Amino acid sequence: MVQEIYIIDDNLEMTETIEQLFKNEKIYKFKTVKNDNIDIALKSIPALIIINEDGINRNILELCNQIRQDEDNNITPIIVIGKSSDKEHRISILKTLVEYYIVKPIDEDYIYYTIKNLIRLMYMNRRVSPLTGLPGNVQIQTEMKKRLLKKQEFSVLYVDLDNFKSYNDLYGFTKGDEIIKFTARTIAKNIHNSELEDCFIGHIGGDDFVVILPNVNCEEICKNIINEFDEKVLQYFGKEDAQRGYVEVANRRGIMEQFPLTSISIGVVVAENRQIP
């Protein structure tokens, strides 16, 4: 997934320097934002903000506070780069919840790994699912909002499992977790095989997943996910259950009921022509 990094600076020199460091890594996209365009830029919710303190005609503390008070960017990491050797000044900036203050001249290796590690940390912190390793609700909401604000055409796939509760009741939560992980792998594999760029897969929680695709025609992808799931999910059932095509589970009254094997359903919402129908 492309990581957009905004460099707040009234000239292009710093952006060009940092872009050169990442010239072989296409997932990082750097964009210069001038001081008078900050309000507009914040609406795009970048993955990271870098501020060249010496390249803007504005109070740095006011700017940092503005970013932190913005609802959509209150957790966006910030790096301030400046030539100040005054410790008290640097500390005052860090008190605005800025992650790093880097003193000029810039050490290229230091800024390179600081950017990479901050992006990685932010990505990891937004993962609320240790089970699947997929981004959770915060990142899902951010990703959808970014695309809506940019008025992009995209599809949202809502994926959930049918008759999953009966599986958990019969086989237990440990086995249920295995199906959840299998579902995540199946979705990821088919999205990867589609060769579409800028795709996003999120885990809402439980047996609910979200996929965001930059393509409003996603019927084939949905069919592939469903077909692979139906074929391979049988390995998570006992031989007898798999052969007869249903499981028997006692309800709260102790009466045995029959439930179909766990299957997968996908609902699709299309954001097309700058509107969501």
C-alpha atoms as a PDB file:
ATOM      1  CA  MET A   1       0.000   0.000   0.000  1.00  0.00           C
ATOM      2  CA  VAL A   2       1.366   3.415  -0.996  1.00  0.00           C
ATOM      3  CA  GLN A   3       2.446   5.580   1.946  1.00  0.00           C
ATOM      4  CA  GLU A   4       1.900   9.280   1.290  1.00  0.00           C
ATOM      5  CA  ILE A   5       4.348  11.529   3.147  1.00  0.00           C
ATOM      6  CA  TYR A   6       3.783  15.284   3.176  1.00  0.00           C
ATOM      7  CA  ILE A   7       6.703  17.666   3.546  1.00  0.00           C
ATOM      8  CA  ILE A   8       5.551  21.093   4.711  1.00  0.00           C
ATOM      9  CA  ASP A   9       7.979  23.486   3.083  1.00  0.00           C
ATOM     10  CA  ASP A  10       7.736  26.540   0.843  1.00  0.00           C
ATOM     11  CA  ASN A  11      10.387  25.209  -1.522  1.00  0.00           C
ATOM     12  CA  LEU A  12      11.146  21.835  -3.126  1.00  0.00           C
ATOM     13  CA  GLU A  13      14.746  21.288  -2.040  1.00  0.00           C
ATOM     14  CA  MET A  14      14.075  19.096   0.996  1.00  0.00           C
ATOM     15  CA  THR A  15      11.492  17.004  -0.834  1.00  0.00           C
ATOM     16  CA  GLU A  16      13.924  16.365  -3.670  1.00  0.00           C
ATOM     17  CA  THR A  17      16.644  15.341  -1.197  1.00  0.00           C
ATOM     18  CA  ILE A  18      14.419  12.862   0.643  1.00  0.00           C
ATOM     19  CA  GLU A  19      12.867  11.517  -2.552  1.00  0.00           C
ATOM     20  CA  GLN A  20      16.347  10.656  -3.759  1.00  0.00           C
ATOM     21  CA  LEU A  21      16.927   8.533  -0.649  1.00  0.00           C
ATOM     22  CA  PHE A  22      13.799   6.503  -1.438  1.00  0.00           C
ATOM     23  CA  LYS A  23      14.154   6.431  -5.220  1.00  0.00           C
ATOM     24  CA  ASN A  24      14.138   2.607  -5.305  1.00  0.00           C
ATOM     25  CA  GLU A  25      11.167   2.192  -2.965  1.00  0.00           C
ATOM     26  CA  LYS A  26       7.948   2.876  -4.829  1.00  0.00           C
ATOM     27  CA  ILE A  27       5.616   2.504  -1.837  1.00  0.00           C
ATOM     28  CA  TYR A  28       6.756   5.899  -0.482  1.00  0.00           C
ATOM     29  CA  LYS A  29       5.251   8.929  -2.181  1.00  0.00           C
ATOM     30  CA  PHE A  30       6.506  12.376  -1.133  1.00  0.00           C
ATOM     31  CA  LYS A  31       4.604  15.593  -1.723  1.00  0.00           C
ATOM     32  CA  THR A  32       5.606  19.182  -0.947  1.00  0.00           C
ATOM     33  CA  VAL A  33       2.907  21.187   0.817  1.00  0.00           C
ATOM     34  CA  LYS A  34       3.297  24.948   1.005  1.00  0.00           C
ATOM     35  CA  ASN A  35       2.404  26.808   4.160  1.00  0.00           C
ATOM     36  CA  ASP A  36      -0.769  28.339   2.736  1.00  0.00           C
ATOM     37  CA  ASN A  37      -2.097  24.938   1.574  1.00  0.00           C
ATOM     38  CA  ILE A  38      -1.840  23.113   4.887  1.00  0.00           C
ATOM     39  CA  ASP A  39      -5.579  23.050   5.621  1.00  0.00           C
ATOM     40  CA  ILE A  40      -6.301  21.428   2.269  1.00  0.00           C
ATOM     41  CA  ALA A  41      -3.455  18.939   2.597  1.00  0.00           C
ATOM     42  CA  LEU A  42      -4.544  17.702   6.018  1.00  0.00           C
ATOM     43  CA  LYS A  43      -7.814  16.480   4.539  1.00  0.00           C
ATOM     44  CA  SER A  44      -5.893  13.803   2.635  1.00  0.00           C
ATOM     45  CA  ILE A  45      -4.663  12.227   5.905  1.00  0.00           C
ATOM     46  CA  PRO A  46      -1.025  11.424   5.055  1.00  0.00           C
ATOM     47  CA  ALA A  47       0.891   8.550   6.631  1.00  0.00           C
ATOM     48  CA  LEU A  48       3.589  10.944   7.914  1.00  0.00           C
ATOM     49  CA  ILE A  49       4.178  14.699   8.055  1.00  0.00           C
ATOM     50  CA  ILE A  50       7.637  16.263   7.863  1.00  0.00           C
ATOM     51  CA  ILE A  51       7.991  19.981   8.610  1.00  0.00           C
ATOM     52  CA  ASN A  52      10.957  22.033   7.491  1.00  0.00           C
ATOM     53  CA  GLU A  53      10.926  24.607  10.295  1.00  0.00           C
ATOM     54  CA  ASP A  54      13.281  26.926   8.427  1.00  0.00           C
ATOM     55  CA  GLY A  55      11.281  26.686   5.205  1.00  0.00           C
ATOM     56  CA  ILE A  56       7.970  28.091   6.427  1.00  0.00           C
ATOM     57  CA  ASN A  57       6.894  31.585   7.425  1.00  0.00           C
ATOM     58  CA  ARG A  58       4.832  30.537  10.405  1.00  0.00           C
ATOM     59  CA  ASN A  59       5.128  29.823  14.131  1.00  0.00           C
ATOM     60  CA  ILE A  60       6.148  26.184  14.389  1.00  0.00           C
ATOM     61  CA  LEU A  61       4.301  25.573  17.672  1.00  0.00           C
ATOM     62  CA  GLU A  62       1.037  26.867  16.225  1.00  0.00           C
ATOM     63  CA  LEU A  63       1.448  24.662  13.196  1.00  0.00           C
ATOM     64  CA  CYS A  64       2.156  21.511  15.221  1.00  0.00           C
ATOM     65  CA  ASN A  65      -0.802  22.204  17.488  1.00  0.00           C
ATOM     66  CA  GLN A  66      -3.038  22.712  14.461  1.00  0.00           C
ATOM     67  CA  ILE A  67      -2.087  19.291  13.110  1.00  0.00           C
ATOM     68  CA  ARG A  68      -2.582  17.590  16.462  1.00  0.00           C
ATOM     69  CA  GLN A  69      -5.991  19.199  16.934  1.00  0.00           C
ATOM     70  CA  ASP A  70      -7.142  18.012  13.518  1.00  0.00           C
ATOM     71  CA  GLU A  71      -9.452  15.053  14.127  1.00  0.00           C
ATOM     72  CA  ASP A  72      -8.157  13.057  11.194  1.00  0.00           C
ATOM     73  CA  ASN A  73      -4.466  13.650  11.906  1.00  0.00           C
ATOM     74  CA  ASN A  74      -4.229  13.513  15.685  1.00  0.00           C
ATOM     75  CA  ILE A  75      -2.271  10.256  15.427  1.00  0.00           C
ATOM     76  CA  THR A  76      -0.304  11.078  12.262  1.00  0.00           C
ATOM     77  CA  PRO A  77       3.436  11.033  13.108  1.00  0.00           C
ATOM     78  CA  ILE A  78       5.296  14.335  12.742  1.00  0.00           C
ATOM     79  CA  ILE A  79       8.997  15.001  12.187  1.00  0.00           C
ATOM     80  CA  VAL A  80      10.285  18.572  12.504  1.00  0.00           C
ATOM     81  CA  ILE A  81      13.604  19.374  10.850  1.00  0.00           C
ATOM     82  CA  GLY A  82      15.398  22.604  11.748  1.00  0.00           C
ATOM     83  CA  LYS A  83      18.753  24.212  12.453  1.00  0.00           C
ATOM     84  CA  SER A  84      17.963  25.280  16.026  1.00  0.00           C
ATOM     85  CA  SER A  85      20.580  24.267  18.604  1.00  0.00           C
ATOM     86  CA  ASP A  86      18.428  25.597  21.451  1.00  0.00           C
ATOM     87  CA  LYS A  87      17.400  22.603  23.549  1.00  0.00           C
ATOM     88  CA  GLU A  88      14.512  24.476  25.162  1.00  0.00           C
ATOM     89  CA  HIS A  89      13.104  25.311  21.732  1.00  0.00           C
ATOM     90  CA  ARG A  90      13.323  21.703  20.577  1.00  0.00           C
ATOM     91  CA  ILE A  91      11.680  20.452  23.773  1.00  0.00           C
ATOM     92  CA  SER A  92       8.826  22.939  23.354  1.00  0.00           C
ATOM     93  CA  ILE A  93       8.169  21.438  19.923  1.00  0.00           C
ATOM     94  CA  LEU A  94       8.270  17.876  21.251  1.00  0.00           C
ATOM     95  CA  LYS A  95       5.713  18.894  23.894  1.00  0.00           C
ATOM     96  CA  THR A  96       3.200  19.444  21.094  1.00  0.00           C
ATOM     97  CA  LEU A  97       3.342  15.643  20.610  1.00  0.00           C
ATOM     98  CA  VAL A  98       5.794  15.769  17.717  1.00  0.00           C
ATOM     99  CA  GLU A  99       7.652  12.459  17.470  1.00  0.00           C
ATOM    100  CA  TYR A 100      11.094  13.747  16.409  1.00  0.00           C
ATOM    101  CA  TYR A 101      13.076  16.961  16.068  1.00  0.00           C
ATOM    102  CA  ILE A 102      16.051  16.440  13.755  1.00  0.00           C
ATOM    103  CA  VAL A 103      18.797  19.051  13.728  1.00  0.00           C
ATOM    104  CA  LYS A 104      20.328  20.183  10.440  1.00  0.00           C
ATOM    105  CA  PRO A 105      22.473  19.377   8.577  1.00  0.00           C
ATOM    106  CA  ILE A 106      20.472  16.253   7.830  1.00  0.00           C
ATOM    107  CA  ASP A 107      22.220  12.932   8.181  1.00  0.00           C
ATOM    108  CA  GLU A 108      20.801  10.996   5.234  1.00  0.00           C
ATOM    109  CA  ASP A 109      20.988   7.571   6.868  1.00  0.00           C
ATOM    110  CA  TYR A 110      19.356   8.897  10.025  1.00  0.00           C
ATOM    111  CA  ILE A 111      16.405  10.532   8.259  1.00  0.00           C
ATOM    112  CA  TYR A 112      15.981   7.507   5.983  1.00  0.00           C
ATOM    113  CA  TYR A 113      15.635   5.012   8.823  1.00  0.00           C
ATOM    114  CA  THR A 114      13.629   7.399  10.990  1.00  0.00           C
ATOM    115  CA  ILE A 115      11.009   7.707   8.236  1.00  0.00           C
ATOM    116  CA  LYS A 116      10.933   3.972   7.551  1.00  0.00           C
ATOM    117  CA  ASN A 117      10.685   3.038  11.227  1.00  0.00           C
ATOM    118  CA  LEU A 118       7.939   5.579  11.962  1.00  0.00           C
ATOM    119  CA  ILE A 119       5.856   4.308   9.062  1.00  0.00           C
ATOM    120  CA  ARG A 120       6.374   0.741  10.210  1.00  0.00           C
ATOM    121  CA  LEU A 121       5.480   1.586  13.820  1.00  0.00           C
ATOM    122  CA  MET A 122       2.344   3.421  12.767  1.00  0.00           C
ATOM    123  CA  TYR A 123       1.294   0.540  10.592  1.00  0.00           C
ATOM    124  CA  MET A 124       1.874  -1.976  13.385  1.00  0.00           C
ATOM    125  CA  ASN A 125       0.029   0.122  15.968  1.00  0.00           C
ATOM    126  CA  ARG A 126      -3.018   0.300  13.747  1.00  0.00           C
ATOM    127  CA  ARG A 127      -3.172  -3.460  13.538  1.00  0.00           C
ATOM    128  CA  VAL A 128      -5.732  -4.495  16.075  1.00  0.00           C
ATOM    129  CA  SER A 129      -5.837  -8.118  14.959  1.00  0.00           C
ATOM    130  CA  PRO A 130      -2.933 -10.230  16.221  1.00  0.00           C
ATOM    131  CA  LEU A 131      -4.797 -13.198  14.751  1.00  0.00           C
ATOM    132  CA  THR A 132      -4.664 -12.151  11.091  1.00  0.00           C
ATOM    133  CA  GLY A 133      -2.071  -9.361  11.114  1.00  0.00           C
ATOM    134  CA  LEU A 134      -4.429  -7.153   9.105  1.00  0.00           C
ATOM    135  CA  PRO A 135      -5.165  -3.460   9.754  1.00  0.00           C
ATOM    136  CA  GLY A 136      -8.141  -2.794  12.000  1.00  0.00           C
ATOM    137  CA  ASN A 137     -10.956  -0.285  12.300  1.00  0.00           C
ATOM    138  CA  VAL A 138      -8.855   2.888  12.637  1.00  0.00           C
ATOM    139  CA  GLN A 139      -6.969   2.179   9.440  1.00  0.00           C
ATOM    140  CA  ILE A 140     -10.108   0.995   7.635  1.00  0.00           C
ATOM    141  CA  GLN A 141     -11.920   4.246   8.395  1.00  0.00           C
ATOM    142  CA  THR A 142      -8.874   6.318   7.463  1.00  0.00           C
ATOM    143  CA  GLU A 143      -8.430   4.499   4.159  1.00  0.00           C
ATOM    144  CA  MET A 144     -12.063   4.944   3.161  1.00  0.00           C
ATOM    145  CA  LYS A 145     -12.104   8.602   4.139  1.00  0.00           C
ATOM    146  CA  LYS A 146      -8.940   9.338   2.146  1.00  0.00           C
ATOM    147  CA  ARG A 147     -10.430   7.879  -1.017  1.00  0.00           C
ATOM    148  CA  LEU A 148     -13.742   9.647  -0.531  1.00  0.00           C
ATOM    149  CA  LEU A 149     -12.047  12.995   0.004  1.00  0.00           C
ATOM    150  CA  LYS A 150     -10.021  12.456  -3.154  1.00  0.00           C
ATOM    151  CA  LYS A 151     -13.255  11.569  -4.984  1.00  0.00           C
ATOM    152  CA  GLN A 152     -11.752   8.334  -6.261  1.00  0.00           C
ATOM    153  CA  GLU A 153     -13.751   5.525  -7.784  1.00  0.00           C
ATOM    154  CA  PHE A 154     -13.432   2.369  -5.705  1.00  0.00           C
ATOM    155  CA  SER A 155     -15.271  -0.683  -4.428  1.00  0.00           C
ATOM    156  CA  VAL A 156     -15.711  -1.774  -0.822  1.00  0.00           C
ATOM    157  CA  LEU A 157     -16.115  -5.504  -0.262  1.00  0.00           C
ATOM    158  CA  TYR A 158     -17.690  -6.526   3.040  1.00  0.00           C
ATOM    159  CA  VAL A 159     -16.764 -10.132   3.728  1.00  0.00           C
ATOM    160  CA  ASP A 160     -18.214 -12.300   6.477  1.00  0.00           C
ATOM    161  CA  LEU A 161     -18.759 -15.966   7.248  1.00  0.00           C
ATOM    162  CA  ASP A 162     -22.119 -17.719   7.337  1.00  0.00           C
ATOM    163  CA  ASN A 163     -22.876 -20.362   9.994  1.00  0.00           C
ATOM    164  CA  PHE A 164     -19.613 -19.595  11.756  1.00  0.00           C
ATOM    165  CA  LYS A 165     -21.189 -19.634  15.221  1.00  0.00           C
ATOM    166  CA  SER A 166     -22.332 -23.218  14.789  1.00  0.00           C
ATOM    167  CA  TYR A 167     -18.768 -24.166  13.801  1.00  0.00           C
ATOM    168  CA  ASN A 168     -17.381 -22.514  16.949  1.00  0.00           C
ATOM    169  CA  ASP A 169     -19.997 -24.211  19.104  1.00  0.00           C
ATOM    170  CA  LEU A 170     -19.096 -27.623  17.724  1.00  0.00           C
ATOM    171  CA  TYR A 171     -15.343 -27.448  17.148  1.00  0.00           C
ATOM    172  CA  GLY A 172     -14.297 -24.779  19.670  1.00  0.00           C
ATOM    173  CA  PHE A 173     -12.777 -21.299  19.421  1.00  0.00           C
ATOM    174  CA  THR A 174      -9.249 -22.536  18.688  1.00  0.00           C
ATOM    175  CA  LYS A 175     -10.439 -24.275  15.537  1.00  0.00           C
ATOM    176  CA  GLY A 176     -12.593 -21.234  14.787  1.00  0.00           C
ATOM    177  CA  ASP A 177      -9.491 -19.042  14.857  1.00  0.00           C
ATOM    178  CA  GLU A 178      -7.942 -21.309  12.242  1.00  0.00           C
ATOM    179  CA  ILE A 179     -10.847 -20.640   9.882  1.00  0.00           C
ATOM    180  CA  ILE A 180     -10.507 -16.893  10.498  1.00  0.00           C
ATOM    181  CA  LYS A 181      -6.824 -17.049   9.550  1.00  0.00           C
ATOM    182  CA  PHE A 182      -7.654 -19.212   6.538  1.00  0.00           C
ATOM    183  CA  THR A 183     -10.233 -16.639   5.443  1.00  0.00           C
ATOM    184  CA  ALA A 184      -7.674 -13.826   5.698  1.00  0.00           C
ATOM    185  CA  ARG A 185      -5.160 -15.800   3.633  1.00  0.00           C
ATOM    186  CA  THR A 186      -7.769 -16.617   0.994  1.00  0.00           C
ATOM    187  CA  ILE A 187      -8.798 -12.993   0.621  1.00  0.00           C
ATOM    188  CA  ALA A 188      -5.193 -11.741   0.520  1.00  0.00           C
ATOM    189  CA  LYS A 189      -4.126 -14.358  -2.017  1.00  0.00           C
ATOM    190  CA  ASN A 190      -6.899 -13.531  -4.459  1.00  0.00           C
ATOM    191  CA  ILE A 191      -6.453  -9.776  -4.095  1.00  0.00           C
ATOM    192  CA  HIS A 192      -2.728 -10.206  -4.737  1.00  0.00           C
ATOM    193  CA  ASN A 193      -3.380 -12.430  -7.760  1.00  0.00           C
ATOM    194  CA  SER A 194      -5.646  -9.768  -9.246  1.00  0.00           C
ATOM    195  CA  GLU A 195      -2.537  -7.582  -9.769  1.00  0.00           C
ATOM    196  CA  LEU A 196      -4.567  -4.472  -8.951  1.00  0.00           C
ATOM    197  CA  GLU A 197      -2.587  -1.660  -7.372  1.00  0.00           C
ATOM    198  CA  ASP A 198      -3.468   0.307  -4.246  1.00  0.00           C
ATOM    199  CA  CYS A 199      -5.644  -2.395  -2.681  1.00  0.00           C
ATOM    200  CA  PHE A 200      -6.454  -2.518   1.018  1.00  0.00           C
ATOM    201  CA  ILE A 201      -7.518  -5.459   3.208  1.00  0.00           C
ATOM    202  CA  GLY A 202      -8.756  -4.872   6.750  1.00  0.00           C
ATOM    203  CA  HIS A 203     -10.036  -7.066   9.582  1.00  0.00           C
ATOM    204  CA  ILE A 204     -12.981  -5.480  11.379  1.00  0.00           C
ATOM    205  CA  GLY A 205     -12.946  -8.254  13.959  1.00  0.00           C
ATOM    206  CA  GLY A 206     -14.358 -11.731  14.407  1.00  0.00           C
ATOM    207  CA  ASP A 207     -15.361 -13.127  11.020  1.00  0.00           C
ATOM    208  CA  ASP A 208     -15.808  -9.714   9.368  1.00  0.00           C
ATOM    209  CA  PHE A 209     -13.365  -8.316   6.802  1.00  0.00           C
ATOM    210  CA  VAL A 210     -13.234  -5.297   4.493  1.00  0.00           C
ATOM    211  CA  VAL A 211     -11.472  -5.027   1.142  1.00  0.00           C
ATOM    212  CA  ILE A 212     -11.076  -1.731  -0.728  1.00  0.00           C
ATOM    213  CA  LEU A 213     -10.281  -1.998  -4.423  1.00  0.00           C
ATOM    214  CA  PRO A 214      -9.493   0.733  -6.968  1.00  0.00           C
ATOM    215  CA  ASN A 215     -11.771  -1.028  -9.400  1.00  0.00           C
ATOM    216  CA  VAL A 216     -15.552  -0.795  -9.617  1.00  0.00           C
ATOM    217  CA  ASN A 217     -15.761  -4.096 -11.502  1.00  0.00           C
ATOM    218  CA  CYS A 218     -14.877  -6.726  -8.920  1.00  0.00           C
ATOM    219  CA  GLU A 219     -17.262  -9.598  -9.681  1.00  0.00           C
ATOM    220  CA  GLU A 220     -14.494 -11.954 -10.808  1.00  0.00           C
ATOM    221  CA  ILE A 221     -12.431 -11.330  -7.675  1.00  0.00           C
ATOM    222  CA  CYS A 222     -15.448 -12.053  -5.465  1.00  0.00           C
ATOM    223  CA  LYS A 223     -16.166 -15.291  -7.331  1.00  0.00           C
ATOM    224  CA  ASN A 224     -12.552 -16.410  -6.970  1.00  0.00           C
ATOM    225  CA  ILE A 225     -12.564 -15.776  -3.222  1.00  0.00           C
ATOM    226  CA  ILE A 226     -15.833 -17.665  -2.760  1.00  0.00           C
ATOM    227  CA  ASN A 227     -14.773 -20.614  -4.936  1.00  0.00           C
ATOM    228  CA  GLU A 228     -11.446 -21.063  -3.195  1.00  0.00           C
ATOM    229  CA  PHE A 229     -13.027 -20.745   0.248  1.00  0.00           C
ATOM    230  CA  ASP A 230     -15.759 -23.309  -0.511  1.00  0.00           C
ATOM    231  CA  GLU A 231     -13.191 -25.751  -1.876  1.00  0.00           C
ATOM    232  CA  LYS A 232     -10.645 -25.560   0.927  1.00  0.00           C
ATOM    233  CA  VAL A 233     -12.803 -24.922   4.011  1.00  0.00           C
ATOM    234  CA  LEU A 234     -13.750 -28.621   4.075  1.00  0.00           C
ATOM    235  CA  GLN A 235     -10.349 -29.446   5.550  1.00  0.00           C
ATOM    236  CA  TYR A 236     -11.427 -27.733   8.775  1.00  0.00           C
ATOM    237  CA  PHE A 237     -14.371 -30.103   9.251  1.00  0.00           C
ATOM    238  CA  GLY A 238     -14.446 -33.693  10.348  1.00  0.00           C
ATOM    239  CA  LYS A 239     -14.756 -36.246   7.550  1.00  0.00           C
ATOM    240  CA  GLU A 240     -18.357 -37.132   8.385  1.00  0.00           C
ATOM    241  CA  ASP A 241     -19.517 -33.496   8.565  1.00  0.00           C
ATOM    242  CA  ALA A 242     -17.747 -32.640   5.322  1.00  0.00           C
ATOM    243  CA  GLN A 243     -19.313 -35.557   3.461  1.00  0.00           C
ATOM    244  CA  ARG A 244     -22.893 -34.899   4.540  1.00  0.00           C
ATOM    245  CA  GLY A 245     -22.597 -31.128   4.096  1.00  0.00           C
ATOM    246  CA  TYR A 246     -23.889 -29.970   7.475  1.00  0.00           C
ATOM    247  CA  VAL A 247     -23.140 -30.088  11.209  1.00  0.00           C
ATOM    248  CA  GLU A 248     -25.376 -30.986  14.123  1.00  0.00           C
ATOM    249  CA  VAL A 249     -25.219 -28.675  17.121  1.00  0.00           C
ATOM    250  CA  ALA A 250     -27.317 -28.654  20.280  1.00  0.00           C
ATOM    251  CA  ASN A 251     -29.273 -25.456  20.882  1.00  0.00           C
ATOM    252  CA  ARG A 252     -29.862 -23.869  24.285  1.00  0.00           C
ATOM    253  CA  ARG A 253     -32.647 -26.333  24.987  1.00  0.00           C
ATOM    254  CA  GLY A 254     -30.393 -29.267  24.265  1.00  0.00           C
ATOM    255  CA  ILE A 255     -32.164 -30.081  21.015  1.00  0.00           C
ATOM    256  CA  MET A 256     -29.931 -31.018  18.089  1.00  0.00           C
ATOM    257  CA  GLU A 257     -30.174 -28.743  15.071  1.00  0.00           C
ATOM    258  CA  GLN A 258     -28.648 -28.985  11.618  1.00  0.00           C
ATOM    259  CA  PHE A 259     -26.628 -26.128  10.152  1.00  0.00           C
ATOM    260  CA  PRO A 260     -24.954 -25.859   6.728  1.00  0.00           C
ATOM    261  CA  LEU A 261     -21.159 -25.867   6.612  1.00  0.00           C
ATOM    262  CA  THR A 262     -19.447 -22.524   7.081  1.00  0.00           C
ATOM    263  CA  SER A 263     -19.479 -20.488   3.877  1.00  0.00           C
ATOM    264  CA  ILE A 264     -18.421 -16.998   2.868  1.00  0.00           C
ATOM    265  CA  SER A 265     -20.536 -14.053   1.705  1.00  0.00           C
ATOM    266  CA  ILE A 266     -19.394 -10.840   0.057  1.00  0.00           C
ATOM    267  CA  GLY A 267     -21.385  -7.634  -0.190  1.00  0.00           C
ATOM    268  CA  VAL A 268     -20.137  -4.853  -2.460  1.00  0.00           C
ATOM    269  CA  VAL A 269     -20.625  -1.093  -2.266  1.00  0.00           C
ATOM    270  CA  VAL A 270     -19.347   0.929  -5.223  1.00  0.00           C
ATOM    271  CA  ALA A 271     -18.142   4.523  -4.961  1.00  0.00           C
ATOM    272  CA  GLU A 272     -18.638   5.629  -8.528  1.00  0.00           C
ATOM    273  CA  ASN A 273     -19.129   9.002 -10.219  1.00  0.00           C
ATOM    274  CA  ARG A 274     -18.014  10.672  -6.975  1.00  0.00           C
ATOM    275  CA  GLN A 275     -20.947   9.282  -5.039  1.00  0.00           C
ATOM    276  CA  ILE A 276     -21.750   6.198  -3.035  1.00  0.00           C
ATOM    277  CA  PRO A 277     -25.062   4.734  -4.203  1.00  0.00           C
END
